[in-house]
Amino acid sequence: MDSSDDLGQFTTVLLGVVILFLPALFIGFALAFLQFTEAVLLTELSTLELVELYLIELVLFGVAIYLLYRLAARLGGVGE
């Protein structure tokens, strides 16, 4: 294998991990802010509601990243 192939695979895996965990970080920041402002208590949220929030954000991030990729491909020739 060529080192550039390894770098490309590493970049792909890294982007996948970022896509997977970034929504969880945003949920954590949002819940911390809401708890700080006393708008919500963590005891009021069930595990199912937290999983639902994570899945919704994961789908939204995936769509946003795909749209950015399509825009970059149209403007700069990425992915050709």
Protein backbone atom coordinates (compact mmCIF):
# COMPACT_ATOMS: atom_id res chain seq x y z
CA MET A 1 0.00 0.00 0.00
CA ASP A 2 1.06 3.52 -0.68
CA SER A 3 1.38 5.98 2.19
CA SER A 4 -1.04 8.36 0.44
CA ASP A 5 -3.66 5.57 0.42
CA ASP A 6 -3.14 5.08 4.16
CA LEU A 7 -3.52 8.81 4.73
CA GLY A 8 -6.73 8.86 2.70
CA GLN A 9 -8.17 5.96 4.70
CA PHE A 10 -7.13 7.59 7.96
CA THR A 11 -8.81 10.85 6.90
CA THR A 12 -12.00 8.99 5.98
CA VAL A 13 -12.08 7.18 9.32
CA LEU A 14 -11.36 10.40 11.19
CA LEU A 15 -14.21 12.22 9.44
CA GLY A 16 -16.53 9.33 10.24
CA VAL A 17 -15.62 9.48 13.93
CA VAL A 18 -16.14 13.25 13.99
CA ILE A 19 -19.56 12.86 12.35
CA LEU A 20 -20.44 10.20 14.92
CA PHE A 21 -19.38 12.06 18.07
CA LEU A 22 -19.94 15.73 17.24
CA PRO A 23 -23.72 15.57 17.83
CA ALA A 24 -23.08 14.02 21.25
CA LEU A 25 -20.78 16.92 22.14
CA PHE A 26 -23.37 19.46 21.03
CA ILE A 27 -26.04 17.71 23.09
CA GLY A 28 -23.71 17.83 26.08
CA PHE A 29 -23.07 21.55 25.63
CA ALA A 30 -26.77 22.25 25.09
CA LEU A 31 -27.80 20.30 28.19
CA ALA A 32 -25.09 21.97 30.26
CA PHE A 33 -26.30 25.39 29.13
CA LEU A 34 -29.94 24.52 29.82
CA GLN A 35 -29.05 23.19 33.24
CA PHE A 36 -26.97 26.30 33.97
CA THR A 37 -29.94 28.52 33.09
CA GLU A 38 -32.20 26.19 35.09
CA ALA A 39 -34.44 25.62 32.07
CA VAL A 40 -34.21 21.84 32.35
CA LEU A 41 -33.06 19.31 34.91
CA LEU A 42 -31.29 16.16 33.77
CA THR A 43 -33.62 14.13 35.99
CA GLU A 44 -36.54 15.29 33.82
CA LEU A 45 -35.06 13.70 30.68
CA SER A 46 -35.33 9.98 30.06
CA THR A 47 -32.69 7.89 28.34
CA LEU A 48 -35.00 7.46 25.35
CA GLU A 49 -35.31 11.24 24.95
CA LEU A 50 -31.52 11.63 25.02
CA VAL A 51 -31.08 8.89 22.40
CA GLU A 52 -33.77 10.53 20.26
CA LEU A 53 -31.96 13.88 20.47
CA TYR A 54 -28.68 12.22 19.50
CA LEU A 55 -30.20 10.44 16.50
CA ILE A 56 -31.91 13.60 15.25
CA GLU A 57 -28.66 15.56 15.49
CA LEU A 58 -26.71 12.73 13.84
CA VAL A 59 -29.06 12.75 10.84
CA LEU A 60 -28.98 16.55 10.61
CA PHE A 61 -25.16 16.62 10.74
CA GLY A 62 -24.98 13.91 8.09
CA VAL A 63 -27.29 15.86 5.78
CA ALA A 64 -25.40 19.10 6.38
CA ILE A 65 -22.04 17.48 5.65
CA TYR A 66 -23.40 15.86 2.49
CA LEU A 67 -24.76 19.22 1.30
CA LEU A 68 -21.40 20.88 2.00
CA TYR A 69 -19.68 18.12 0.04
CA ARG A 70 -22.02 18.61 -2.92
CA LEU A 71 -21.49 22.38 -2.79
CA ALA A 72 -17.71 21.92 -2.68
CA ALA A 73 -17.90 19.46 -5.59
CA ARG A 74 -19.89 21.94 -7.64
CA LEU A 75 -17.67 24.93 -6.85
CA GLY A 76 -14.21 23.46 -6.56
CA GLY A 77 -14.23 20.16 -8.34
CA VAL A 78 -13.89 18.05 -5.17
CA GLY A 79 -14.79 14.40 -5.62
CA GLU A 80 -14.14 14.19 -9.33
